[in-house]
Amino acid sequence: MDNYSIADNFSLLSKLMDIHGENSFKAKSFASAAFTIEKLPSQLKDTSREDIFRIKGIGESTGKSILEMLDTQQFPLLNQYLEKTPAGILEIMKIKGLGPKKIATIWKELEVESMGELLYACNENRLMLLKGFGAKTQESVKQNIEFYLANRHRFLYAEVATIGHNLEKQLQELLAPANVSVTGAFRRHSIIIDEIEFLIAAPAATITAHLSTLPGFSLLTDNGQHQVWQLDGKLKIITHSCNAGDFYAQLFATTGSAAFIDKFNAAGGAAFLSGASTEETIFSAAGMDYIPPFLREGHNELSLAREHQLPEVITATDIKGIIHSHSNWSDGESSLEEMALAAKAQGFEYLVISDHSRSAFYANGLSIERIVAQHTEIEALNKKLAPFRIFKSIEADILNDGTLDYPDEILAKFDLVIASVHSNLKMTEEKAMARLLKAIENPYTTILGHMTGRLLLSRSGYPVNHKAIIDACAAHQVVIELNAHPRRLDIDWTWLPYALEKKVLISIDPDAHSIGGFKDIHYGALAAQKGGITKTNNLSSYTVDMLDNYLQQRRQQKNMLP
């Protein structure tokens, strides 16, 4: 059992003890232990038993529980609480905005024990009658429930990418020599996946017979041409059957979005599908360049293909440096040197270290004194690691009034500043826009971080006027981050064409809190491809010298140099 599993067990136990009204001191001790264990640099399973009890934040009770989990892979105390907690209450615990105390009140006073009952209670305004609740709380709970219910069978592309590609290979081997390909939203690299679709040039009966033998597959519906399966009780898999001679026509038809297919057919494209030997021949017959699947969304890609002006989109290999990363100076997992060495070993030319600013106390944000100390370490490492370079940066909180988290004389010490909102996210559009626009106008803001604050499938983000934000970034020479973390991918790719039109630079940044987080640039690049971003439009594709020159020129233009 690894540290994260042990910490998760302690965290869940703490919440359940609070829900059941147990001793708050004991509940807090388990919560504190969970926090401590998550931050440990080494695995508890590799730590001597004596040393486990010497870890600050681990007491006698929590230490014994750790040994129990390591020895048996079980946690009986947690199991006791799980057994006396309705399954619906455990699901309700996933709803944002409801802590253990509120859940206990809802359960005990309203006798609500499921998500459906809770939504019904909200619709009946029953929560407003409870102590500590009000109209705003009730509406927030209702919206969060509706968001959860609408998304619980949806997945991030990153969560199912490996499954989809491995399954494609498996089906190709299983059904050879028949043609097999992924299709639909998965083939277009959509950021949210409802199902993974496959096109198979084989009779439906053959497909059903073969897939029924695969572990985890259960057939839900079969209409003769399309079969709907469920994999491991969670992920929906759809298989489409077709004749061998129709394979590429059907692949084309099932890959594009509805808007793309409608526009293609409206221009007479349907006449070129029959008997197609490849997808390339379909586009060629229609007088167009080949449009990659990820661009087939029904925007302006058909016109660009007809005019032979499709962009040569960016790939992850075009990214030359890691912009936006966190070290253990704030809430990152690794030291600054470890992050830099890993980036250098992976072939990157530079690392932009952007630890959290002082208002982010929950993330060990940097005080002014610690900024000075970090910059001293960066200067020493730059001498040691040259020509690799660490750029001095900060992820400065955009405060409630739109100002950044430090005075100008401190902001001037950084090579670049990423300005982001992290607190008070429940804003009206008017409030959000006032806050963001003021931050964009700050001459020290180099990059606007994760524009809407969204967390895909978890949090919608605050409302913004995208065009006005992009226009402001164009006017003030501010780069817009495409936060590459698969749960963010913020700015949304649908707004990238407008940013390109306004000549606003994008920066694909992993927001890495660990060395492993560097790999998220892959998902950022996939999202950027859908928006037509090229390496020349992307700041993190600049070489180290190009980035240095860009930052120097920007400072001169804004009169920020001494």
Protein backbone atom coordinates (compact mmCIF):
# COMPACT_ATOMS: atom_id res chain seq x y z
CA MET A 1 0.00 0.00 0.00
CA ASP A 2 1.55 3.31 -1.07
CA ASN A 3 1.50 6.67 0.74
CA TYR A 4 -1.39 8.06 -1.28
CA SER A 5 -3.62 5.07 -0.44
CA ILE A 6 -2.80 5.36 3.26
CA ALA A 7 -3.41 9.13 3.21
CA ASP A 8 -6.72 8.63 1.37
CA ASN A 9 -7.82 6.11 3.99
CA PHE A 10 -6.99 8.50 6.85
CA SER A 11 -8.70 11.42 5.11
CA LEU A 12 -11.87 9.42 4.48
CA LEU A 13 -11.89 8.12 8.06
CA SER A 14 -11.58 11.66 9.42
CA LYS A 15 -14.59 12.82 7.40
CA LEU A 16 -16.69 9.81 8.36
CA MET A 17 -15.88 10.30 12.05
CA ASP A 18 -17.07 13.92 11.74
CA ILE A 19 -20.26 12.81 9.99
CA HIS A 20 -20.95 10.31 12.76
CA GLY A 21 -20.29 12.93 15.44
CA GLU A 22 -17.22 11.24 16.91
CA ASN A 23 -14.52 12.94 18.95
CA SER A 24 -13.33 15.88 16.85
CA PHE A 25 -9.78 15.66 18.23
CA LYS A 26 -9.40 12.08 17.00
CA ALA A 27 -10.89 12.99 13.61
CA LYS A 28 -8.45 15.87 13.24
CA SER A 29 -5.50 13.64 14.15
CA PHE A 30 -6.27 11.36 11.20
CA ALA A 31 -6.77 14.35 8.88
CA SER A 32 -3.43 15.80 10.01
CA ALA A 33 -1.71 12.46 9.46
CA ALA A 34 -3.17 12.29 5.93
CA PHE A 35 -1.73 15.71 5.11
CA THR A 36 1.67 14.73 6.52
CA ILE A 37 1.84 11.43 4.63
CA GLU A 38 0.95 13.02 1.28
CA LYS A 39 4.00 15.30 1.59
CA LEU A 40 6.51 12.64 2.60
CA PRO A 41 9.49 12.37 0.21
CA SER A 42 9.76 8.56 0.59
CA GLN A 43 7.34 5.64 0.82
CA LEU A 44 6.25 4.46 4.27
CA LYS A 45 6.58 0.84 3.11
CA ASP A 46 10.32 1.53 2.66
CA THR A 47 10.66 3.25 6.07
CA SER A 48 11.70 1.38 9.21
CA ARG A 49 8.92 0.90 11.75
CA GLU A 50 10.78 2.86 14.40
CA ASP A 51 11.23 5.81 12.03
CA ILE A 52 7.52 5.86 11.15
CA PHE A 53 6.71 6.78 14.75
CA ARG A 54 9.36 9.51 14.67
CA ILE A 55 7.67 11.34 11.78
CA LYS A 56 6.24 14.66 12.95
CA GLY A 57 2.45 14.46 12.74
CA ILE A 58 2.30 10.67 13.25
CA GLY A 59 1.08 9.68 16.71
CA GLU A 60 0.76 6.36 18.50
CA SER A 61 -2.71 5.59 17.12
CA THR A 62 -2.05 6.70 13.56
CA GLY A 63 1.32 4.94 13.57
CA LYS A 64 -0.27 1.62 14.57
CA SER A 65 -2.90 2.08 11.88
CA ILE A 66 -0.15 2.63 9.28
CA LEU A 67 1.58 -0.61 10.29
CA GLU A 68 -1.75 -2.43 10.14
CA MET A 69 -2.35 -1.24 6.59
CA LEU A 70 1.19 -2.08 5.50
CA ASP A 71 0.97 -5.57 6.99
CA THR A 72 -2.58 -6.55 5.99
CA GLN A 73 -3.53 -4.15 3.18
CA GLN A 74 -6.66 -3.53 5.26
CA PHE A 75 -7.86 -0.79 7.62
CA PRO A 76 -10.50 -2.35 9.92
CA LEU A 77 -11.37 0.93 11.70
CA LEU A 78 -12.25 2.57 8.39
CA ASN A 79 -14.25 -0.53 7.40
CA GLN A 80 -16.32 -0.21 10.58
CA TYR A 81 -17.38 3.30 9.63
CA LEU A 82 -18.01 2.33 6.02
CA GLU A 83 -20.31 -0.48 7.14
CA LYS A 84 -22.52 1.87 9.16
CA THR A 85 -22.60 4.62 6.51
CA PRO A 86 -25.19 4.38 3.71
CA ALA A 87 -23.61 4.11 0.26
CA GLY A 88 -25.54 7.21 -0.83
CA ILE A 89 -23.87 9.28 1.88
CA LEU A 90 -20.46 8.27 0.52
CA GLU A 91 -21.58 9.52 -2.89
CA ILE A 92 -22.89 12.78 -1.41
CA MET A 93 -19.42 13.34 0.06
CA LYS A 94 -18.21 13.90 -3.52
CA ILE A 95 -20.37 17.01 -3.88
CA LYS A 96 -18.38 20.23 -3.60
CA GLY A 97 -19.52 22.67 -0.96
CA LEU A 98 -20.75 20.04 1.50
CA GLY A 99 -18.47 19.34 4.44
CA PRO A 100 -18.94 16.54 6.98
CA LYS A 101 -20.95 18.71 9.40
CA LYS A 102 -23.47 19.75 6.74
CA ILE A 103 -23.75 16.20 5.44
CA ALA A 104 -24.46 14.98 8.97
CA THR A 105 -27.21 17.58 9.34
CA ILE A 106 -28.80 16.63 6.01
CA TRP A 107 -28.65 12.92 6.87
CA LYS A 108 -29.91 13.12 10.44
CA GLU A 109 -32.50 15.89 10.13
CA LEU A 110 -33.87 15.30 6.63
CA GLU A 111 -33.22 11.54 6.53
CA VAL A 112 -31.62 12.00 3.12
CA GLU A 113 -29.42 9.05 2.18
CA SER A 114 -28.90 9.35 -1.58
CA MET A 115 -27.99 11.88 -4.26
CA GLY A 116 -31.47 11.71 -5.77
CA GLU A 117 -33.10 12.41 -2.42
CA LEU A 118 -30.79 15.36 -1.85
CA LEU A 119 -31.61 16.87 -5.24
CA TYR A 120 -35.31 16.40 -4.50
CA ALA A 121 -34.86 18.09 -1.12
CA CYS A 122 -33.19 21.05 -2.86
CA ASN A 123 -36.03 21.31 -5.35
CA GLU A 124 -38.45 21.35 -2.42
CA ASN A 125 -36.41 24.05 -0.63
CA ARG A 126 -35.93 21.80 2.39
CA LEU A 127 -32.28 22.67 2.89
CA MET A 128 -33.22 26.30 3.56
CA LEU A 129 -34.97 25.17 6.71
CA LEU A 130 -31.83 23.71 8.25
CA LYS A 131 -29.58 25.61 10.61
CA GLY A 132 -26.45 26.83 8.82
CA PHE A 133 -28.04 26.64 5.38
CA GLY A 134 -29.63 29.34 3.27
CA ALA A 135 -30.92 30.01 -0.22
CA LYS A 136 -27.43 30.51 -1.68
CA THR A 137 -26.10 27.33 -0.10
CA GLN A 138 -29.08 25.34 -1.32
CA GLU A 139 -28.74 26.65 -4.88
CA SER A 140 -25.01 25.93 -4.87
CA VAL A 141 -25.60 22.36 -3.65
CA LYS A 142 -28.29 21.86 -6.30
CA GLN A 143 -26.02 23.08 -9.11
CA ASN A 144 -23.14 20.91 -7.92
CA ILE A 145 -25.38 17.82 -7.77
CA GLU A 146 -26.69 18.46 -11.28
CA PHE A 147 -23.13 18.94 -12.53
CA TYR A 148 -22.00 15.72 -10.84
CA LEU A 149 -24.92 13.66 -12.16
CA ALA A 150 -24.42 14.96 -15.68
CA ASN A 151 -20.74 14.06 -15.70
CA ARG A 152 -20.24 10.90 -13.67
CA HIS A 153 -20.15 8.68 -16.77
CA ARG A 154 -17.88 11.03 -18.67
CA PHE A 155 -14.10 10.92 -18.75
CA LEU A 156 -11.17 13.16 -19.46
CA TYR A 157 -9.41 12.18 -22.69
CA ALA A 158 -6.24 11.65 -20.65
CA GLU A 159 -8.05 9.15 -18.41
CA VAL A 160 -9.03 6.86 -21.29
CA ALA A 161 -6.38 7.55 -23.95
CA THR A 162 -4.29 4.48 -23.11
CA ILE A 163 -7.37 2.28 -22.86
CA GLY A 164 -8.62 3.42 -26.26
CA HIS A 165 -5.32 2.96 -28.09
CA ASN A 166 -4.60 -0.41 -26.46
CA LEU A 167 -8.10 -1.63 -27.23
CA GLU A 168 -7.71 -0.59 -30.86
CA LYS A 169 -4.58 -2.74 -31.16
CA GLN A 170 -6.31 -5.61 -29.37
CA LEU A 171 -9.31 -5.51 -31.70
CA GLN A 172 -7.08 -5.27 -34.77
CA GLU A 173 -5.35 -8.48 -33.71
CA LEU A 174 -8.58 -10.18 -32.66
CA LEU A 175 -10.48 -9.39 -35.87
CA ALA A 176 -7.62 -9.55 -38.42
CA PRO A 177 -7.58 -9.22 -41.38
CA ALA A 178 -10.63 -6.94 -41.04
CA ASN A 179 -9.93 -3.19 -40.89
CA VAL A 180 -10.41 -1.74 -37.38
CA SER A 181 -10.05 1.90 -36.29
CA VAL A 182 -11.05 4.15 -33.44
CA THR A 183 -13.47 6.81 -34.60
CA GLY A 184 -15.77 9.51 -33.27
CA ALA A 185 -14.86 11.98 -30.54
CA PHE A 186 -11.96 9.84 -29.34
CA ARG A 187 -10.32 9.97 -32.76
CA ARG A 188 -10.80 13.76 -32.77
CA HIS A 189 -9.00 13.98 -29.39
CA SER A 190 -12.00 15.61 -27.73
CA ILE A 191 -11.10 16.72 -24.22
CA ILE A 192 -14.18 15.00 -22.72
CA ILE A 193 -15.06 11.45 -23.78
CA ASP A 194 -18.55 9.95 -23.34
CA GLU A 195 -17.72 6.74 -25.20
CA ILE A 196 -14.98 5.22 -27.33
CA GLU A 197 -16.17 4.25 -30.79
CA PHE A 198 -14.68 1.68 -33.17
CA LEU A 199 -15.42 1.05 -36.83
CA ILE A 200 -14.94 -2.59 -37.83
CA ALA A 201 -15.21 -4.01 -41.35
CA ALA A 202 -16.87 -7.24 -40.27
CA PRO A 203 -20.41 -8.60 -39.79
CA ALA A 204 -22.11 -7.59 -36.57
CA ALA A 205 -22.43 -11.22 -35.50
CA THR A 206 -18.67 -11.72 -35.84
CA ILE A 207 -17.96 -8.58 -33.79
CA THR A 208 -20.37 -9.65 -31.06
CA ALA A 209 -18.97 -13.15 -30.89
CA HIS A 210 -15.38 -11.93 -30.52
CA LEU A 211 -15.97 -9.05 -28.09
CA SER A 212 -18.13 -11.21 -25.85
CA THR A 213 -15.02 -13.23 -25.05
CA LEU A 214 -13.07 -10.21 -23.80
CA PRO A 215 -12.83 -9.70 -20.01
CA GLY A 216 -14.85 -6.80 -18.66
CA PHE A 217 -17.09 -6.45 -21.74
CA SER A 218 -20.86 -6.62 -21.36
CA LEU A 219 -23.28 -6.03 -24.24
CA LEU A 220 -25.94 -3.41 -23.50
CA THR A 221 -27.72 -3.00 -26.85
CA ASP A 222 -27.39 -4.38 -30.38
CA ASN A 223 -29.40 -3.05 -33.31
CA GLY A 224 -27.63 -5.14 -35.93
CA GLN A 225 -25.21 -2.47 -37.19
CA HIS A 226 -24.15 -0.78 -33.95
CA GLN A 227 -23.42 -2.45 -30.63
CA VAL A 228 -23.14 -0.64 -27.31
CA TRP A 229 -20.91 -2.26 -24.72
CA GLN A 230 -19.84 -1.40 -21.20
CA LEU A 231 -16.25 -1.97 -20.14
CA ASP A 232 -15.70 -2.82 -16.48
CA GLY A 233 -19.12 -1.41 -15.63
CA LYS A 234 -18.03 2.16 -16.40
CA LEU A 235 -16.76 3.09 -19.85
CA LYS A 236 -19.12 2.87 -22.81
CA ILE A 237 -17.70 1.25 -25.96
CA ILE A 238 -19.58 1.51 -29.28
CA THR A 239 -18.76 -0.73 -32.23
CA HIS A 240 -19.96 0.05 -35.75
CA SER A 241 -20.14 -2.73 -38.33
CA CYS A 242 -19.61 -2.07 -42.06
CA ASN A 243 -18.70 -3.79 -45.31
CA ALA A 244 -15.03 -3.85 -46.28
CA GLY A 245 -15.68 -1.71 -49.36
CA ASP A 246 -17.38 1.00 -47.28
CA PHE A 247 -14.76 1.18 -44.53
CA TYR A 248 -13.13 4.52 -45.41
CA ALA A 249 -16.41 6.21 -46.28
CA GLN A 250 -17.82 5.10 -42.92
CA LEU A 251 -14.62 6.07 -41.10
CA PHE A 252 -14.94 9.54 -42.57
CA ALA A 253 -18.65 9.75 -41.68
CA THR A 254 -18.23 8.57 -38.08
CA THR A 255 -15.09 10.61 -37.30
CA GLY A 256 -16.23 14.16 -38.05
CA SER A 257 -18.49 16.14 -35.72
CA ALA A 258 -22.09 16.62 -36.84
CA ALA A 259 -21.28 20.21 -37.82
CA PHE A 260 -18.31 19.08 -39.93
CA ILE A 261 -20.29 16.40 -41.77
CA ASP A 262 -23.20 18.79 -42.38
CA LYS A 263 -20.89 21.41 -43.91
CA PHE A 264 -19.05 18.85 -46.01
CA ASN A 265 -22.29 17.38 -47.36
CA ALA A 266 -23.79 20.83 -47.98
CA ALA A 267 -20.84 21.54 -50.29
CA GLY A 268 -21.58 18.36 -52.28
CA GLY A 269 -18.98 16.23 -50.53
CA ALA A 270 -21.25 13.22 -50.06
CA ALA A 271 -20.76 12.35 -53.74
CA PHE A 272 -17.09 11.55 -53.09
CA LEU A 273 -17.61 8.97 -50.33
CA SER A 274 -18.76 5.90 -52.20
CA GLY A 275 -16.00 3.38 -52.86
CA ALA A 276 -13.25 5.54 -51.33
CA SER A 277 -9.99 3.65 -50.91
CA THR A 278 -8.62 6.04 -48.24
CA GLU A 279 -9.75 9.18 -46.45
CA GLU A 280 -7.11 11.10 -48.39
CA THR A 281 -8.89 10.25 -51.66
CA ILE A 282 -12.15 11.67 -50.29
CA PHE A 283 -10.57 15.04 -49.56
CA SER A 284 -8.61 15.01 -52.81
CA ALA A 285 -11.74 14.31 -54.88
CA ALA A 286 -13.45 17.21 -53.09
CA GLY A 287 -10.57 19.53 -54.03
CA MET A 288 -9.23 19.82 -50.50
CA ASP A 289 -6.08 19.09 -48.57
CA TYR A 290 -6.34 16.23 -46.08
CA ILE A 291 -7.88 17.42 -42.80
CA PRO A 292 -6.54 15.53 -39.75
CA PRO A 293 -9.25 14.00 -37.53
CA PHE A 294 -8.57 16.40 -34.64
CA LEU A 295 -9.54 19.39 -36.81
CA ARG A 296 -12.84 17.97 -38.08
CA GLU A 297 -15.07 20.04 -35.82
CA GLY A 298 -17.03 22.14 -38.33
CA HIS A 299 -15.36 25.50 -37.81
CA ASN A 300 -13.35 26.95 -40.71
CA GLU A 301 -11.19 23.92 -41.47
CA LEU A 302 -13.06 23.01 -44.68
CA SER A 303 -12.46 26.48 -46.15
CA LEU A 304 -8.79 26.37 -45.17
CA ALA A 305 -8.40 22.92 -46.73
CA ARG A 306 -10.04 24.09 -49.94
CA GLU A 307 -7.69 27.09 -50.05
CA HIS A 308 -4.66 24.92 -49.15
CA GLN A 309 -4.06 27.00 -46.00
CA LEU A 310 -4.38 24.44 -43.22
CA PRO A 311 -1.84 25.22 -40.48
CA GLU A 312 1.10 22.96 -39.69
CA VAL A 313 -0.05 22.43 -36.14
CA ILE A 314 2.16 22.14 -33.11
CA THR A 315 3.30 18.84 -31.63
CA ALA A 316 4.67 18.15 -28.16
CA THR A 317 8.16 17.80 -29.64
CA ASP A 318 8.01 21.47 -30.69
CA ILE A 319 7.98 22.56 -27.04
CA LYS A 320 11.47 23.66 -26.00
CA GLY A 321 10.98 24.51 -22.34
CA ILE A 322 8.79 23.93 -19.30
CA ILE A 323 6.88 27.09 -18.43
CA HIS A 324 4.83 27.15 -15.20
CA SER A 325 6.14 24.62 -12.71
CA HIS A 326 6.22 24.36 -8.94
CA SER A 327 9.01 23.12 -6.68
CA ASN A 328 9.01 22.25 -3.00
CA TRP A 329 9.63 25.92 -2.32
CA SER A 330 5.81 26.05 -2.45
CA ASP A 331 3.57 23.03 -3.06
CA GLY A 332 5.68 21.07 -5.55
CA GLU A 333 6.94 17.56 -4.90
CA SER A 334 10.59 17.96 -5.89
CA SER A 335 13.42 20.38 -5.23
CA LEU A 336 14.27 23.12 -7.69
CA GLU A 337 17.46 21.34 -8.70
CA GLU A 338 15.64 18.03 -9.20
CA MET A 339 13.06 19.71 -11.42
CA ALA A 340 15.78 21.44 -13.45
CA LEU A 341 17.88 18.31 -13.87
CA ALA A 342 14.84 16.32 -14.99
CA ALA A 343 13.85 18.98 -17.52
CA LYS A 344 17.41 19.08 -18.86
CA ALA A 345 17.57 15.28 -19.07
CA GLN A 346 14.34 15.25 -21.07
CA GLY A 347 15.88 17.57 -23.64
CA PHE A 348 14.29 20.84 -22.61
CA GLU A 349 16.38 24.02 -22.82
CA TYR A 350 14.92 25.80 -19.82
CA LEU A 351 12.60 25.66 -16.83
CA VAL A 352 10.38 28.54 -15.76
CA ILE A 353 9.88 28.06 -12.03
CA SER A 354 6.60 29.65 -10.97
CA ASP A 355 5.98 28.84 -7.34
CA HIS A 356 2.92 30.22 -5.59
CA SER A 357 2.82 33.73 -4.19
CA ARG A 358 2.41 34.72 -0.57
CA SER A 359 -1.44 34.88 -0.50
CA ALA A 360 -1.54 31.17 -1.33
CA PHE A 361 -0.76 30.28 2.29
CA TYR A 362 -2.40 26.86 1.75
CA ALA A 363 0.32 26.15 -0.86
CA ASN A 364 3.26 27.48 1.17
CA GLY A 365 3.39 30.61 -0.98
CA LEU A 366 6.64 32.58 -1.05
CA SER A 367 7.16 35.51 1.26
CA ILE A 368 9.34 38.34 0.00
CA GLU A 369 12.26 37.04 2.05
CA ARG A 370 11.90 33.55 0.55
CA ILE A 371 11.80 35.00 -2.97
CA VAL A 372 15.25 36.48 -2.38
CA ALA A 373 16.52 33.13 -1.12
CA GLN A 374 15.03 31.24 -4.07
CA HIS A 375 16.60 33.66 -6.54
CA THR A 376 19.98 33.07 -4.93
CA GLU A 377 19.56 29.32 -5.46
CA ILE A 378 18.45 29.87 -9.07
CA GLU A 379 21.53 31.96 -9.83
CA ALA A 380 23.81 29.28 -8.41
CA LEU A 381 22.04 26.52 -10.37
CA ASN A 382 22.21 28.51 -13.60
CA LYS A 383 25.99 28.66 -13.29
CA LYS A 384 26.10 24.94 -12.57
CA LEU A 385 23.69 23.79 -15.31
CA ALA A 386 24.53 26.21 -18.16
CA PRO A 387 23.60 26.42 -20.99
CA PHE A 388 20.35 25.11 -19.45
CA ARG A 389 18.60 27.98 -17.72
CA ILE A 390 16.07 28.45 -14.94
CA PHE A 391 13.96 31.56 -15.41
CA LYS A 392 12.79 33.36 -12.28
CA SER A 393 9.02 33.47 -12.21
CA ILE A 394 6.10 33.45 -9.82
CA GLU A 395 2.47 32.42 -10.11
CA ALA A 396 1.11 35.61 -8.57
CA ASP A 397 -2.39 35.48 -7.18
CA ILE A 398 -4.82 37.94 -8.72
CA LEU A 399 -6.37 39.41 -5.60
CA ASN A 400 -10.03 40.38 -5.23
CA ASP A 401 -9.45 43.90 -6.52
CA GLY A 402 -7.39 42.71 -9.51
CA THR A 403 -4.01 43.69 -8.11
CA LEU A 404 -1.16 41.19 -8.00
CA ASP A 405 0.22 39.69 -4.84
CA TYR A 406 3.40 41.77 -4.52
CA PRO A 407 4.37 45.42 -4.95
CA ASP A 408 5.97 46.48 -8.24
CA GLU A 409 9.49 46.55 -6.82
CA ILE A 410 9.19 42.82 -6.05
CA LEU A 411 7.45 41.90 -9.33
CA ALA A 412 10.32 43.63 -11.15
CA LYS A 413 12.74 41.03 -9.79
CA PHE A 414 11.16 38.24 -11.85
CA ASP A 415 11.95 37.37 -15.46
CA LEU A 416 8.24 36.82 -16.02
CA VAL A 417 5.03 36.74 -13.99
CA ILE A 418 2.11 34.35 -14.40
CA ALA A 419 -1.04 35.95 -13.00
CA SER A 420 -3.78 33.54 -11.87
CA VAL A 421 -6.97 33.51 -9.80
CA HIS A 422 -6.97 30.93 -6.99
CA SER A 423 -9.40 32.31 -4.40
CA ASN A 424 -13.01 33.52 -4.26
CA LEU A 425 -13.89 31.67 -7.46
CA LYS A 426 -17.64 32.10 -7.11
CA MET A 427 -17.83 35.37 -9.02
CA THR A 428 -20.31 37.01 -11.32
CA GLU A 429 -19.05 37.70 -14.82
CA GLU A 430 -18.88 41.39 -13.96
CA LYS A 431 -16.67 40.73 -10.95
CA ALA A 432 -14.50 38.19 -12.77
CA MET A 433 -13.96 40.51 -15.72
CA ALA A 434 -13.06 43.50 -13.54
CA ARG A 435 -10.56 41.36 -11.66
CA LEU A 436 -8.96 39.81 -14.74
CA LEU A 437 -8.82 42.97 -16.83
CA LYS A 438 -7.05 44.89 -14.09
CA ALA A 439 -4.49 42.09 -13.77
CA ILE A 440 -3.94 42.06 -17.54
CA GLU A 441 -3.32 45.82 -17.47
CA ASN A 442 -0.53 45.38 -14.92
CA PRO A 443 2.73 45.86 -16.87
CA TYR A 444 4.36 43.01 -14.94
CA THR A 445 1.79 40.41 -16.01
CA THR A 446 3.49 38.32 -18.69
CA ILE A 447 1.11 35.35 -18.85
CA LEU A 448 -2.54 35.04 -17.82
CA GLY A 449 -2.79 31.65 -16.11
CA HIS A 450 -5.73 29.22 -16.43
CA MET A 451 -8.19 31.88 -17.55
CA THR A 452 -11.47 30.53 -16.14
CA GLY A 453 -10.26 28.46 -13.19
CA ARG A 454 -12.21 25.46 -14.45
CA LEU A 455 -11.58 21.86 -13.46
CA LEU A 456 -13.05 19.62 -16.13
CA LEU A 457 -15.89 17.39 -14.89
CA SER A 458 -15.54 18.94 -11.42
CA ARG A 459 -15.86 22.73 -11.59
CA SER A 460 -17.28 24.84 -14.38
CA GLY A 461 -15.08 27.85 -13.71
CA TYR A 462 -16.11 31.47 -13.31
CA PRO A 463 -17.89 33.15 -16.23
CA VAL A 464 -15.81 35.40 -18.48
CA ASN A 465 -16.22 37.27 -21.75
CA HIS A 466 -13.54 35.43 -23.72
CA LYS A 467 -13.40 37.95 -26.54
CA ALA A 468 -12.91 40.86 -24.16
CA ILE A 469 -10.16 39.00 -22.29
CA ILE A 470 -8.37 38.10 -25.53
CA ASP A 471 -8.72 41.68 -26.82
CA ALA A 472 -7.21 42.99 -23.57
CA CYS A 473 -4.30 40.54 -23.79
CA ALA A 474 -3.67 41.70 -27.36
CA ALA A 475 -3.69 45.35 -26.28
CA HIS A 476 -1.32 44.78 -23.34
CA GLN A 477 0.96 42.16 -24.90
CA VAL A 478 -0.05 39.46 -22.41
CA VAL A 479 0.36 35.80 -23.31
CA ILE A 480 -2.58 33.48 -22.63
CA GLU A 481 -1.77 30.17 -21.00
CA LEU A 482 -3.18 26.93 -22.31
CA ASN A 483 -2.84 25.12 -19.02
CA ALA A 484 -1.96 21.60 -20.12
CA HIS A 485 -3.09 19.79 -16.99
CA PRO A 486 -5.75 17.35 -18.28
CA ARG A 487 -8.23 18.61 -15.68
CA ARG A 488 -7.82 22.21 -16.81
CA LEU A 489 -6.95 22.61 -20.51
CA ASP A 490 -7.82 26.23 -19.91
CA ILE A 491 -8.13 28.37 -22.16
CA ASP A 492 -10.66 26.19 -23.99
CA TRP A 493 -9.39 25.27 -27.46
CA THR A 494 -12.53 26.69 -29.16
CA TRP A 495 -11.25 30.22 -28.38
CA LEU A 496 -7.77 29.67 -29.81
CA PRO A 497 -8.70 30.73 -33.39
CA TYR A 498 -9.88 34.10 -32.07
CA ALA A 499 -6.63 34.49 -30.10
CA LEU A 500 -4.71 33.75 -33.30
CA GLU A 501 -6.80 36.29 -35.18
CA LYS A 502 -5.84 38.90 -32.57
CA LYS A 503 -2.18 37.83 -32.73
CA VAL A 504 -2.10 36.82 -29.07
CA LEU A 505 0.62 34.36 -28.12
CA ILE A 506 -0.43 31.12 -26.42
CA SER A 507 1.77 29.27 -23.95
CA ILE A 508 1.29 25.51 -23.48
CA ASP A 509 2.26 25.07 -19.84
CA PRO A 510 2.04 21.88 -17.74
CA ASP A 511 1.50 23.60 -14.36
CA ALA A 512 3.73 20.79 -13.14
CA HIS A 513 3.82 20.10 -9.41
CA SER A 514 6.13 17.13 -9.95
CA ILE A 515 8.57 15.87 -12.54
CA GLY A 516 5.87 13.54 -13.81
CA GLY A 517 3.74 16.58 -14.53
CA PHE A 518 6.02 17.57 -17.42
CA LYS A 519 4.32 14.93 -19.55
CA ASP A 520 1.07 16.90 -19.52
CA ILE A 521 2.41 19.07 -22.33
CA HIS A 522 1.27 16.17 -24.55
CA TYR A 523 -2.36 16.84 -23.67
CA GLY A 524 -1.88 20.58 -23.98
CA ALA A 525 -0.46 20.07 -27.47
CA LEU A 526 -3.44 17.91 -28.47
CA ALA A 527 -5.85 20.65 -27.36
CA ALA A 528 -3.75 23.29 -29.11
CA GLN A 529 -3.85 21.29 -32.34
CA LYS A 530 -7.64 21.45 -32.32
CA GLY A 531 -7.40 25.23 -32.19
CA GLY A 532 -4.87 25.44 -35.02
CA ILE A 533 -1.90 26.54 -32.91
CA THR A 534 1.51 26.29 -34.57
CA LYS A 535 4.91 26.35 -32.91
CA THR A 536 5.35 30.01 -33.91
CA ASN A 537 2.18 30.92 -31.98
CA ASN A 538 3.34 29.19 -28.79
CA LEU A 539 5.67 30.80 -26.26
CA SER A 540 6.94 27.52 -24.80
CA SER A 541 8.16 26.57 -28.30
CA TYR A 542 10.68 29.42 -28.14
CA THR A 543 14.31 28.40 -27.65
CA VAL A 544 16.02 29.66 -24.53
CA ASP A 545 17.59 32.57 -26.45
CA MET A 546 14.30 33.43 -28.16
CA LEU A 547 12.48 33.49 -24.83
CA ASP A 548 15.17 35.63 -23.23
CA ASN A 549 15.06 38.10 -26.13
CA TYR A 550 11.25 38.19 -26.06
CA LEU A 551 11.21 38.98 -22.33
CA GLN A 552 13.89 41.66 -22.66
CA GLN A 553 12.10 43.36 -25.55
CA ARG A 554 8.80 43.25 -23.70
CA ARG A 555 10.34 44.88 -20.63
CA GLN A 556 11.87 47.62 -22.78
CA GLN A 557 8.55 48.30 -24.52
CA LYS A 558 6.80 48.59 -21.16
CA ASN A 559 9.57 50.69 -19.65
CA MET A 560 10.17 48.10 -16.98
CA LEU A 561 13.95 48.03 -17.23
CA PRO A 562 15.96 50.11 -14.75
